[in-house]
């Protein structure tokens, strides 16, 4: 059964999350591929998880890695989409065949103020833009900017709950949810991910 909006899951780290989200028809599963990150997924773990799945796209989340480092890692992962947070890297990998996601972390007033300029710079060079914020005092300002934006395929990565996802501005093309570690292999509480995906099931 399809979901009512486009859904990307970030930071997939275990097969339980991956199989549940793929089974619920999420569109994209993202894996942290930054070697220095505590959430890093090795090529072996990536292959072990993704070999169980079908019908979903895989995103490599490379964060702020430069283009040279990204290109060294990329051949060891079979990803459909590349996600970065560095605009210079995004421009440098425009020749790669994979689709592109640009992630914006708008966690400060300064970052929010610069949001219109960033959207203008990166919009023509990626397929989706995800916007994340951990400060609820900035939500209204971001929403105001989004309403005036003509940017492509914006994905909302903040203030996500079963109520908010059914009442989003049409400017948002989808949402971003975050995976979580397992309590033990095969056992976990899907929490807000389950609640939101169930709210988005198309009746």
N, C-alpha and C. Protein backbone atom coordinates (compact mmCIF):
# COMPACT_ATOMS: atom_id res chain seq x y z
N UNK A 1 0.85 -1.19 0.00
CA UNK A 1 0.00 0.00 0.00
C UNK A 1 0.89 1.25 0.00
N UNK A 2 0.63 2.16 -0.93
CA UNK A 2 1.46 3.35 -1.06
C UNK A 2 1.24 4.33 0.09
N UNK A 3 2.25 5.17 0.32
CA UNK A 3 2.12 6.24 1.31
C UNK A 3 1.61 7.50 0.63
N UNK A 4 1.05 8.40 1.42
CA UNK A 4 0.44 9.61 0.87
C UNK A 4 1.46 10.66 0.45
N UNK A 5 2.70 10.49 0.86
CA UNK A 5 3.73 11.44 0.45
C UNK A 5 5.06 10.72 0.33
N UNK A 6 6.02 11.38 -0.28
CA UNK A 6 7.37 10.84 -0.45
C UNK A 6 8.05 10.77 0.92
N UNK A 7 8.71 9.65 1.20
CA UNK A 7 9.35 9.48 2.50
C UNK A 7 10.78 9.00 2.33
N UNK A 8 11.70 9.70 2.96
CA UNK A 8 13.09 9.27 3.05
C UNK A 8 13.39 8.96 4.52
N UNK A 9 14.06 7.85 4.75
CA UNK A 9 14.50 7.49 6.10
C UNK A 9 16.01 7.68 6.15
N UNK A 10 16.50 8.45 7.10
CA UNK A 10 17.94 8.68 7.22
C UNK A 10 18.53 7.78 8.29
N UNK A 11 19.84 7.56 8.16
CA UNK A 11 20.60 6.91 9.22
C UNK A 11 20.14 5.48 9.52
N UNK A 12 19.83 4.73 8.48
CA UNK A 12 19.51 3.31 8.65
C UNK A 12 20.76 2.58 9.13
N UNK A 13 20.62 1.81 10.20
CA UNK A 13 21.80 1.13 10.76
C UNK A 13 21.57 -0.35 11.03
N UNK A 14 20.37 -0.85 10.75
CA UNK A 14 20.08 -2.25 11.05
C UNK A 14 19.02 -2.80 10.10
N UNK A 15 19.00 -4.11 9.98
CA UNK A 15 18.08 -4.76 9.06
C UNK A 15 16.63 -4.60 9.49
N UNK A 16 16.37 -4.55 10.79
CA UNK A 16 14.99 -4.40 11.28
C UNK A 16 14.38 -3.10 10.75
N UNK A 17 15.08 -1.98 10.92
CA UNK A 17 14.60 -0.70 10.39
C UNK A 17 14.41 -0.77 8.89
N UNK A 18 15.43 -1.31 8.21
CA UNK A 18 15.40 -1.34 6.75
C UNK A 18 14.22 -2.13 6.23
N UNK A 19 14.00 -3.32 6.78
CA UNK A 19 12.91 -4.17 6.29
C UNK A 19 11.55 -3.57 6.64
N UNK A 20 11.41 -3.01 7.84
CA UNK A 20 10.14 -2.41 8.22
C UNK A 20 9.80 -1.23 7.31
N UNK A 21 10.77 -0.32 7.13
CA UNK A 21 10.50 0.89 6.33
C UNK A 21 10.27 0.55 4.86
N UNK A 22 11.03 -0.41 4.33
CA UNK A 22 10.81 -0.83 2.95
C UNK A 22 9.44 -1.47 2.81
N UNK A 23 9.05 -2.28 3.81
CA UNK A 23 7.74 -2.92 3.78
C UNK A 23 6.59 -1.93 3.88
N UNK A 24 6.84 -0.79 4.53
CA UNK A 24 5.83 0.26 4.64
C UNK A 24 5.85 1.20 3.43
N UNK A 25 6.66 0.87 2.44
CA UNK A 25 6.72 1.59 1.16
C UNK A 25 7.41 2.96 1.24
N UNK A 26 8.36 3.11 2.17
CA UNK A 26 9.20 4.31 2.13
C UNK A 26 9.93 4.34 0.79
N UNK A 27 10.22 5.54 0.30
CA UNK A 27 10.82 5.68 -1.03
C UNK A 27 12.34 5.52 -1.02
N UNK A 28 12.98 6.05 0.00
CA UNK A 28 14.45 6.07 0.05
C UNK A 28 14.92 5.68 1.44
N UNK A 29 15.90 4.79 1.50
CA UNK A 29 16.58 4.46 2.75
C UNK A 29 18.00 5.03 2.68
N UNK A 30 18.36 5.82 3.68
CA UNK A 30 19.67 6.46 3.70
C UNK A 30 20.62 5.80 4.69
N UNK A 31 21.89 5.71 4.30
CA UNK A 31 22.93 5.09 5.12
C UNK A 31 24.08 6.08 5.30
N UNK A 32 24.54 6.22 6.55
CA UNK A 32 25.64 7.12 6.86
C UNK A 32 26.95 6.52 6.37
N UNK A 33 27.56 7.16 5.39
CA UNK A 33 28.79 6.64 4.79
C UNK A 33 29.99 7.53 5.07
N UNK A 34 29.94 8.28 6.17
CA UNK A 34 31.07 9.11 6.60
C UNK A 34 31.95 8.30 7.54
N UNK A 35 33.15 7.92 7.14
CA UNK A 35 33.99 7.02 7.94
C UNK A 35 34.26 7.50 9.36
N UNK A 36 34.29 8.80 9.61
CA UNK A 36 34.59 9.32 10.93
C UNK A 36 33.36 9.41 11.84
N UNK A 37 32.18 9.11 11.31
CA UNK A 37 30.96 9.24 12.08
C UNK A 37 30.72 8.00 12.94
N UNK A 38 30.18 8.18 14.16
CA UNK A 38 29.84 7.01 14.99
C UNK A 38 28.72 6.18 14.37
N UNK A 39 27.99 6.74 13.43
CA UNK A 39 26.89 6.02 12.77
C UNK A 39 27.30 5.42 11.43
N UNK A 40 28.58 5.43 11.15
CA UNK A 40 29.10 4.95 9.85
C UNK A 40 28.71 3.50 9.59
N UNK A 41 28.29 3.23 8.36
CA UNK A 41 27.95 1.88 7.91
C UNK A 41 29.04 1.40 6.94
N UNK A 42 29.68 0.30 7.26
CA UNK A 42 30.75 -0.23 6.41
C UNK A 42 30.17 -0.81 5.13
N UNK A 43 30.99 -0.97 4.09
CA UNK A 43 30.49 -1.60 2.85
C UNK A 43 29.90 -2.99 3.11
N UNK A 44 30.51 -3.73 4.02
CA UNK A 44 30.01 -5.08 4.32
C UNK A 44 28.62 -5.03 4.95
N UNK A 45 28.44 -4.13 5.92
CA UNK A 45 27.13 -4.01 6.57
C UNK A 45 26.08 -3.48 5.60
N UNK A 46 26.48 -2.53 4.77
CA UNK A 46 25.56 -1.99 3.77
C UNK A 46 25.06 -3.10 2.85
N UNK A 47 25.98 -3.91 2.35
CA UNK A 47 25.59 -4.99 1.43
C UNK A 47 24.73 -6.02 2.13
N UNK A 48 25.09 -6.33 3.39
CA UNK A 48 24.34 -7.33 4.14
C UNK A 48 22.89 -6.89 4.34
N UNK A 49 22.68 -5.60 4.60
CA UNK A 49 21.33 -5.08 4.81
C UNK A 49 20.58 -4.97 3.49
N UNK A 50 21.18 -4.35 2.50
CA UNK A 50 20.46 -4.04 1.26
C UNK A 50 20.15 -5.27 0.43
N UNK A 51 20.92 -6.35 0.60
CA UNK A 51 20.64 -7.57 -0.16
C UNK A 51 19.28 -8.18 0.19
N UNK A 52 18.73 -7.80 1.33
CA UNK A 52 17.43 -8.32 1.75
C UNK A 52 16.27 -7.52 1.17
N UNK A 53 16.56 -6.40 0.53
CA UNK A 53 15.51 -5.43 0.19
C UNK A 53 15.30 -5.30 -1.31
N UNK A 54 14.10 -4.89 -1.67
CA UNK A 54 13.79 -4.59 -3.06
C UNK A 54 12.72 -3.50 -3.10
N UNK A 55 12.62 -2.82 -4.23
CA UNK A 55 11.58 -1.82 -4.41
C UNK A 55 11.79 -0.52 -3.70
N UNK A 56 13.02 -0.26 -3.25
CA UNK A 56 13.33 0.98 -2.54
C UNK A 56 14.68 1.48 -3.01
N UNK A 57 14.86 2.80 -3.03
CA UNK A 57 16.13 3.39 -3.44
C UNK A 57 17.04 3.56 -2.22
N UNK A 58 18.34 3.44 -2.45
CA UNK A 58 19.33 3.58 -1.39
C UNK A 58 20.12 4.88 -1.58
N UNK A 59 20.25 5.63 -0.50
CA UNK A 59 21.00 6.88 -0.52
C UNK A 59 22.25 6.75 0.33
N UNK A 60 23.37 7.18 -0.19
CA UNK A 60 24.59 7.29 0.58
C UNK A 60 24.69 8.68 1.17
N UNK A 61 24.70 8.77 2.50
CA UNK A 61 24.73 10.06 3.18
C UNK A 61 26.19 10.40 3.52
N UNK A 62 26.77 11.26 2.70
CA UNK A 62 28.20 11.57 2.81
C UNK A 62 28.49 12.84 3.60
N UNK A 63 27.47 13.50 4.10
CA UNK A 63 27.69 14.69 4.93
C UNK A 63 28.50 15.75 4.22
N UNK A 64 29.52 16.26 4.93
CA UNK A 64 30.33 17.36 4.38
C UNK A 64 31.63 16.88 3.75
N UNK A 65 31.70 15.61 3.38
CA UNK A 65 32.91 15.11 2.72
C UNK A 65 33.18 15.88 1.45
N UNK A 66 34.48 16.07 1.15
CA UNK A 66 34.83 16.71 -0.12
C UNK A 66 34.66 15.72 -1.26
N UNK A 67 34.66 16.22 -2.47
CA UNK A 67 34.38 15.39 -3.64
C UNK A 67 35.41 14.27 -3.82
N UNK A 68 36.68 14.54 -3.55
CA UNK A 68 37.71 13.51 -3.71
C UNK A 68 37.46 12.34 -2.76
N UNK A 69 37.15 12.64 -1.50
CA UNK A 69 36.89 11.58 -0.52
C UNK A 69 35.64 10.80 -0.89
N UNK A 70 34.63 11.50 -1.36
CA UNK A 70 33.39 10.85 -1.76
C UNK A 70 33.64 9.89 -2.92
N UNK A 71 34.39 10.35 -3.90
CA UNK A 71 34.66 9.51 -5.07
C UNK A 71 35.48 8.28 -4.74
N UNK A 72 36.29 8.36 -3.71
CA UNK A 72 37.05 7.18 -3.28
C UNK A 72 36.15 6.14 -2.63
N UNK A 73 35.16 6.59 -1.89
CA UNK A 73 34.26 5.68 -1.19
C UNK A 73 33.17 5.11 -2.09
N UNK A 74 32.72 5.88 -3.03
CA UNK A 74 31.52 5.55 -3.79
C UNK A 74 31.55 4.17 -4.46
N UNK A 75 32.67 3.73 -5.05
CA UNK A 75 32.66 2.43 -5.74
C UNK A 75 32.37 1.24 -4.83
N UNK A 76 32.52 1.40 -3.52
CA UNK A 76 32.28 0.28 -2.60
C UNK A 76 30.83 0.20 -2.12
N UNK A 77 30.00 1.11 -2.59
CA UNK A 77 28.59 1.12 -2.19
C UNK A 77 27.71 1.23 -3.44
N UNK A 78 26.71 0.40 -3.52
CA UNK A 78 25.78 0.44 -4.65
C UNK A 78 24.59 1.32 -4.29
N UNK A 79 24.77 2.63 -4.42
CA UNK A 79 23.71 3.57 -4.04
C UNK A 79 23.10 4.20 -5.28
N UNK A 80 21.81 4.51 -5.16
CA UNK A 80 21.07 5.17 -6.24
C UNK A 80 21.15 6.68 -6.12
N UNK A 81 21.40 7.16 -4.89
CA UNK A 81 21.32 8.58 -4.59
C UNK A 81 22.51 8.97 -3.72
N UNK A 82 23.04 10.15 -3.95
CA UNK A 82 24.13 10.70 -3.14
C UNK A 82 23.59 11.91 -2.39
N UNK A 83 23.80 11.92 -1.06
CA UNK A 83 23.37 13.06 -0.25
C UNK A 83 24.59 13.75 0.34
N UNK A 84 24.66 15.08 0.21
CA UNK A 84 25.77 15.85 0.76
C UNK A 84 25.23 17.10 1.44
N UNK A 85 26.08 17.71 2.28
CA UNK A 85 25.72 18.97 2.93
C UNK A 85 26.62 20.12 2.48
N UNK A 86 27.57 19.81 1.62
CA UNK A 86 28.55 20.80 1.17
C UNK A 86 28.23 21.21 -0.27
N UNK A 87 27.94 22.48 -0.48
CA UNK A 87 27.54 22.95 -1.81
C UNK A 87 28.67 22.78 -2.83
N UNK A 88 29.92 22.97 -2.41
CA UNK A 88 31.04 22.80 -3.33
C UNK A 88 31.13 21.36 -3.79
N UNK A 89 30.95 20.43 -2.85
CA UNK A 89 30.95 19.01 -3.22
C UNK A 89 29.82 18.72 -4.19
N UNK A 90 28.63 19.26 -3.92
CA UNK A 90 27.48 19.03 -4.81
C UNK A 90 27.80 19.46 -6.23
N UNK A 91 28.38 20.62 -6.40
CA UNK A 91 28.71 21.10 -7.73
C UNK A 91 29.80 20.25 -8.38
N UNK A 92 30.70 19.72 -7.56
CA UNK A 92 31.84 18.96 -8.08
C UNK A 92 31.45 17.56 -8.55
N UNK A 93 30.30 17.05 -8.07
CA UNK A 93 29.90 15.68 -8.44
C UNK A 93 28.75 15.69 -9.43
N UNK A 94 28.54 16.79 -10.10
CA UNK A 94 27.41 16.91 -11.01
C UNK A 94 27.48 15.91 -12.17
N UNK A 95 28.69 15.43 -12.46
CA UNK A 95 28.86 14.48 -13.57
C UNK A 95 28.48 13.05 -13.19
N UNK A 96 28.31 12.76 -11.92
CA UNK A 96 27.99 11.40 -11.50
C UNK A 96 26.54 11.06 -11.86
N UNK A 97 26.30 9.78 -12.15
CA UNK A 97 24.98 9.36 -12.65
C UNK A 97 23.93 9.29 -11.57
N UNK A 98 24.32 9.14 -10.33
CA UNK A 98 23.34 9.01 -9.25
C UNK A 98 22.54 10.31 -9.06
N UNK A 99 21.31 10.16 -8.59
CA UNK A 99 20.54 11.33 -8.21
C UNK A 99 21.20 11.99 -7.00
N UNK A 100 20.85 13.26 -6.76
CA UNK A 100 21.50 14.02 -5.70
C UNK A 100 20.46 14.57 -4.71
N UNK A 101 20.84 14.53 -3.43
CA UNK A 101 20.09 15.21 -2.37
C UNK A 101 21.03 16.18 -1.69
N UNK A 102 20.56 17.39 -1.47
CA UNK A 102 21.33 18.35 -0.68
C UNK A 102 20.62 18.55 0.65
N UNK A 103 21.35 18.31 1.73
CA UNK A 103 20.78 18.46 3.08
C UNK A 103 21.19 19.80 3.67
N UNK A 104 20.20 20.53 4.19
CA UNK A 104 20.44 21.81 4.85
C UNK A 104 20.06 21.66 6.32
N UNK A 105 21.01 21.96 7.20
CA UNK A 105 20.77 21.96 8.65
C UNK A 105 20.56 23.41 9.09
N UNK A 106 19.31 23.81 9.21
CA UNK A 106 18.97 25.20 9.54
C UNK A 106 18.70 25.32 11.03
N UNK A 107 19.75 25.16 11.83
CA UNK A 107 19.60 25.08 13.28
C UNK A 107 19.88 26.39 14.00
N UNK A 108 20.27 27.42 13.28
CA UNK A 108 20.56 28.72 13.90
C UNK A 108 19.85 29.82 13.13
N UNK A 109 19.61 30.97 13.77
CA UNK A 109 18.99 32.09 13.04
C UNK A 109 19.79 32.48 11.80
N UNK A 110 21.12 32.43 11.90
CA UNK A 110 21.95 32.78 10.75
C UNK A 110 21.74 31.81 9.60
N UNK A 111 21.66 30.52 9.92
CA UNK A 111 21.44 29.51 8.88
C UNK A 111 20.08 29.70 8.22
N UNK A 112 19.08 30.06 9.00
CA UNK A 112 17.75 30.28 8.43
C UNK A 112 17.75 31.52 7.54
N UNK A 113 18.42 32.57 7.97
CA UNK A 113 18.48 33.79 7.16
C UNK A 113 19.15 33.53 5.81
N UNK A 114 20.10 32.63 5.79
CA UNK A 114 20.81 32.34 4.53
C UNK A 114 20.08 31.32 3.67
N UNK A 115 18.99 30.76 4.17
CA UNK A 115 18.28 29.70 3.48
C UNK A 115 17.84 30.08 2.05
N UNK A 116 17.26 31.26 1.81
CA UNK A 116 16.86 31.60 0.44
C UNK A 116 18.03 31.57 -0.54
N UNK A 117 19.18 32.09 -0.12
CA UNK A 117 20.34 32.09 -1.00
C UNK A 117 20.85 30.68 -1.27
N UNK A 118 20.87 29.86 -0.24
CA UNK A 118 21.34 28.48 -0.42
C UNK A 118 20.41 27.73 -1.37
N UNK A 119 19.11 27.88 -1.19
CA UNK A 119 18.16 27.23 -2.08
C UNK A 119 18.38 27.65 -3.54
N UNK A 120 18.63 28.92 -3.74
CA UNK A 120 18.84 29.42 -5.09
C UNK A 120 20.09 28.82 -5.72
N UNK A 121 21.14 28.67 -4.92
CA UNK A 121 22.42 28.15 -5.44
C UNK A 121 22.34 26.67 -5.80
N UNK A 122 21.69 25.88 -4.94
CA UNK A 122 21.78 24.42 -5.11
C UNK A 122 20.61 23.81 -5.89
N UNK A 123 19.52 24.52 -6.06
CA UNK A 123 18.31 23.92 -6.61
C UNK A 123 18.50 23.30 -7.99
N UNK A 124 19.30 23.92 -8.82
CA UNK A 124 19.50 23.41 -10.18
C UNK A 124 20.49 22.24 -10.24
N UNK A 125 21.06 21.86 -9.10
CA UNK A 125 22.12 20.85 -9.11
C UNK A 125 21.76 19.59 -8.32
N UNK A 126 20.52 19.49 -7.87
CA UNK A 126 20.11 18.31 -7.12
C UNK A 126 18.66 17.96 -7.41
N UNK A 127 18.28 16.77 -7.02
CA UNK A 127 16.92 16.29 -7.27
C UNK A 127 15.98 16.57 -6.09
N UNK A 128 16.54 16.62 -4.88
CA UNK A 128 15.76 16.94 -3.69
C UNK A 128 16.62 17.80 -2.77
N UNK A 129 15.95 18.59 -1.96
CA UNK A 129 16.59 19.34 -0.88
C UNK A 129 15.87 18.99 0.40
N UNK A 130 16.61 18.53 1.42
CA UNK A 130 16.01 18.25 2.72
C UNK A 130 16.40 19.36 3.69
N UNK A 131 15.44 19.79 4.47
CA UNK A 131 15.68 20.88 5.43
C UNK A 131 15.40 20.36 6.83
N UNK A 132 16.40 20.51 7.70
CA UNK A 132 16.33 19.99 9.07
C UNK A 132 16.54 21.13 10.06
N UNK A 133 15.89 21.04 11.20
CA UNK A 133 16.03 22.07 12.23
C UNK A 133 15.71 21.45 13.59
N UNK A 134 16.54 21.73 14.59
CA UNK A 134 16.32 21.21 15.94
C UNK A 134 15.82 22.28 16.91
N UNK A 135 15.61 23.49 16.41
CA UNK A 135 15.15 24.59 17.26
C UNK A 135 13.74 24.98 16.84
N UNK A 136 12.75 24.61 17.64
CA UNK A 136 11.36 24.84 17.25
C UNK A 136 11.03 26.33 17.13
N UNK A 137 11.83 27.19 17.73
CA UNK A 137 11.57 28.63 17.61
C UNK A 137 11.82 29.12 16.18
N UNK A 138 12.51 28.33 15.39
CA UNK A 138 12.82 28.73 14.02
C UNK A 138 11.85 28.15 12.99
N UNK A 139 10.95 27.30 13.43
CA UNK A 139 10.05 26.61 12.49
C UNK A 139 9.23 27.59 11.64
N UNK A 140 8.62 28.59 12.30
CA UNK A 140 7.74 29.51 11.57
C UNK A 140 8.50 30.29 10.51
N UNK A 141 9.72 30.70 10.83
CA UNK A 141 10.52 31.44 9.87
C UNK A 141 10.87 30.57 8.67
N UNK A 142 11.22 29.33 8.93
CA UNK A 142 11.52 28.42 7.81
C UNK A 142 10.28 28.23 6.94
N UNK A 143 9.13 28.03 7.57
CA UNK A 143 7.90 27.84 6.80
C UNK A 143 7.59 29.06 5.94
N UNK A 144 7.84 30.24 6.46
CA UNK A 144 7.61 31.47 5.71
C UNK A 144 8.51 31.52 4.47
N UNK A 145 9.75 31.11 4.65
CA UNK A 145 10.70 31.09 3.52
C UNK A 145 10.27 30.06 2.48
N UNK A 146 9.85 28.89 2.95
CA UNK A 146 9.45 27.82 2.03
C UNK A 146 8.25 28.25 1.20
N UNK A 147 7.31 28.95 1.81
CA UNK A 147 6.12 29.38 1.07
C UNK A 147 6.47 30.30 -0.10
N UNK A 148 7.57 31.02 0.00
CA UNK A 148 7.98 31.93 -1.06
C UNK A 148 8.95 31.29 -2.04
N UNK A 149 9.37 30.08 -1.76
CA UNK A 149 10.39 29.43 -2.56
C UNK A 149 9.82 28.78 -3.81
N UNK A 150 10.63 28.77 -4.85
CA UNK A 150 10.26 28.04 -6.07
C UNK A 150 11.19 26.84 -6.26
N UNK A 151 11.87 26.44 -5.21
CA UNK A 151 12.83 25.35 -5.29
C UNK A 151 12.13 24.02 -5.56
N UNK A 152 12.89 23.10 -6.10
CA UNK A 152 12.37 21.79 -6.45
C UNK A 152 12.24 20.89 -5.23
N UNK A 153 11.31 20.00 -5.23
CA UNK A 153 11.20 18.84 -4.36
C UNK A 153 11.81 19.03 -2.98
N UNK A 154 11.19 19.84 -2.17
CA UNK A 154 11.66 20.07 -0.81
C UNK A 154 11.11 19.01 0.13
N UNK A 155 11.98 18.44 0.95
CA UNK A 155 11.59 17.42 1.91
C UNK A 155 11.76 17.97 3.33
N UNK A 156 10.71 17.81 4.13
CA UNK A 156 10.69 18.38 5.48
C UNK A 156 11.30 17.40 6.48
N UNK A 157 12.32 17.87 7.20
CA UNK A 157 13.02 17.02 8.15
C UNK A 157 12.91 17.49 9.59
N UNK A 158 11.89 18.25 9.91
CA UNK A 158 11.69 18.74 11.28
C UNK A 158 10.19 18.79 11.59
N UNK A 159 9.87 18.81 12.89
CA UNK A 159 8.47 18.88 13.32
C UNK A 159 7.63 17.80 12.64
N UNK A 160 8.14 16.58 12.66
CA UNK A 160 7.45 15.46 12.02
C UNK A 160 6.75 14.62 13.08
N UNK A 161 5.43 14.53 12.98
CA UNK A 161 4.64 13.69 13.86
C UNK A 161 3.37 13.28 13.11
N UNK A 162 2.58 12.34 13.63
CA UNK A 162 1.41 11.88 12.89
C UNK A 162 0.41 12.97 12.52
N UNK A 163 0.33 14.03 13.32
CA UNK A 163 -0.59 15.11 13.00
C UNK A 163 -0.02 16.07 11.97
N UNK A 164 1.25 16.45 12.15
CA UNK A 164 1.84 17.45 11.26
C UNK A 164 1.99 16.96 9.82
N UNK A 165 2.20 15.66 9.63
CA UNK A 165 2.45 15.17 8.27
C UNK A 165 1.19 15.12 7.43
N UNK A 166 0.03 15.17 8.08
CA UNK A 166 -1.21 15.18 7.31
C UNK A 166 -1.73 16.60 7.08
N UNK A 167 -0.96 17.59 7.51
CA UNK A 167 -1.39 18.98 7.38
C UNK A 167 -0.21 19.86 6.97
N UNK A 168 0.62 19.35 6.05
CA UNK A 168 1.79 20.11 5.61
C UNK A 168 1.43 21.05 4.46
N UNK A 169 2.21 22.09 4.33
CA UNK A 169 2.08 22.96 3.17
C UNK A 169 2.35 22.16 1.90
N UNK A 170 1.62 22.42 0.82
CA UNK A 170 1.88 21.73 -0.45
C UNK A 170 3.24 22.04 -1.04
N UNK A 171 3.93 23.03 -0.47
CA UNK A 171 5.31 23.33 -0.92
C UNK A 171 6.25 22.17 -0.59
N UNK A 172 5.91 21.39 0.42
CA UNK A 172 6.72 20.23 0.78
C UNK A 172 6.34 19.05 -0.10
N UNK A 173 7.32 18.43 -0.72
CA UNK A 173 7.06 17.25 -1.56
C UNK A 173 7.14 15.95 -0.78
N UNK A 174 7.59 16.00 0.46
CA UNK A 174 7.72 14.79 1.26
C UNK A 174 8.37 15.09 2.59
N UNK A 175 8.71 14.02 3.30
CA UNK A 175 9.27 14.16 4.64
C UNK A 175 10.52 13.29 4.81
N UNK A 176 11.25 13.59 5.88
CA UNK A 176 12.42 12.81 6.26
C UNK A 176 12.25 12.33 7.70
N UNK A 177 12.40 11.03 7.90
CA UNK A 177 12.37 10.43 9.23
C UNK A 177 13.73 9.82 9.54
N UNK A 178 14.01 9.58 10.80
CA UNK A 178 15.32 9.05 11.18
C UNK A 178 15.20 7.66 11.80
N UNK A 179 16.03 6.74 11.30
CA UNK A 179 16.10 5.41 11.88
C UNK A 179 16.74 5.45 13.25
N UNK A 180 16.72 4.32 13.95
CA UNK A 180 17.29 4.25 15.29
C UNK A 180 17.92 2.89 15.52
N UNK A 181 18.84 2.78 16.49
CA UNK A 181 19.50 1.49 16.75
C UNK A 181 18.52 0.45 17.27
N UNK A 182 18.89 -0.81 17.11
CA UNK A 182 18.11 -1.90 17.68
C UNK A 182 18.40 -2.05 19.16
N UNK A 183 17.41 -2.47 19.94
CA UNK A 183 17.63 -2.84 21.33
C UNK A 183 18.52 -4.08 21.40
N UNK A 184 18.23 -5.03 20.54
CA UNK A 184 19.04 -6.21 20.31
C UNK A 184 18.64 -6.73 18.94
N UNK A 185 19.46 -7.54 18.29
CA UNK A 185 19.14 -7.97 16.93
C UNK A 185 17.74 -8.56 16.81
N UNK A 186 16.95 -7.95 15.92
CA UNK A 186 15.60 -8.43 15.69
C UNK A 186 14.54 -7.86 16.61
N UNK A 187 14.95 -7.06 17.60
CA UNK A 187 13.99 -6.49 18.55
C UNK A 187 14.21 -4.98 18.65
N UNK A 188 13.14 -4.21 18.39
CA UNK A 188 13.27 -2.77 18.55
C UNK A 188 11.90 -2.11 18.60
N UNK A 189 11.91 -0.90 19.13
CA UNK A 189 10.71 -0.07 19.17
C UNK A 189 10.82 0.94 18.03
N UNK A 190 9.89 0.88 17.08
CA UNK A 190 9.97 1.78 15.92
C UNK A 190 9.48 3.19 16.24
N UNK A 191 8.79 3.35 17.36
CA UNK A 191 8.44 4.66 17.86
C UNK A 191 7.77 5.57 16.84
N UNK A 192 8.30 6.80 16.74
CA UNK A 192 7.68 7.82 15.90
C UNK A 192 7.68 7.42 14.44
N UNK A 193 8.67 6.64 14.00
CA UNK A 193 8.70 6.19 12.60
C UNK A 193 7.44 5.38 12.29
N UNK A 194 7.11 4.43 13.15
CA UNK A 194 5.91 3.63 12.94
C UNK A 194 4.65 4.49 12.96
N UNK A 195 4.56 5.40 13.94
CA UNK A 195 3.37 6.24 14.06
C UNK A 195 3.15 7.09 12.82
N UNK A 196 4.24 7.68 12.30
CA UNK A 196 4.12 8.55 11.14
C UNK A 196 3.79 7.75 9.88
N UNK A 197 4.48 6.64 9.66
CA UNK A 197 4.23 5.84 8.46
C UNK A 197 2.80 5.29 8.47
N UNK A 198 2.33 4.90 9.62
CA UNK A 198 0.94 4.43 9.68
C UNK A 198 -0.05 5.56 9.39
N UNK A 199 0.27 6.76 9.84
CA UNK A 199 -0.59 7.93 9.56
C UNK A 199 -0.62 8.25 8.07
N UNK A 200 0.45 7.89 7.37
CA UNK A 200 0.57 8.21 5.95
C UNK A 200 0.08 7.10 5.04
N UNK A 201 -0.35 5.99 5.60
CA UNK A 201 -0.86 4.91 4.75
C UNK A 201 -2.08 5.39 3.98
N UNK A 202 -2.08 5.09 2.68
CA UNK A 202 -3.17 5.52 1.82
C UNK A 202 -4.34 4.55 1.99
N UNK A 203 -5.45 5.05 2.45
CA UNK A 203 -6.62 4.20 2.72
C UNK A 203 -7.18 3.61 1.41
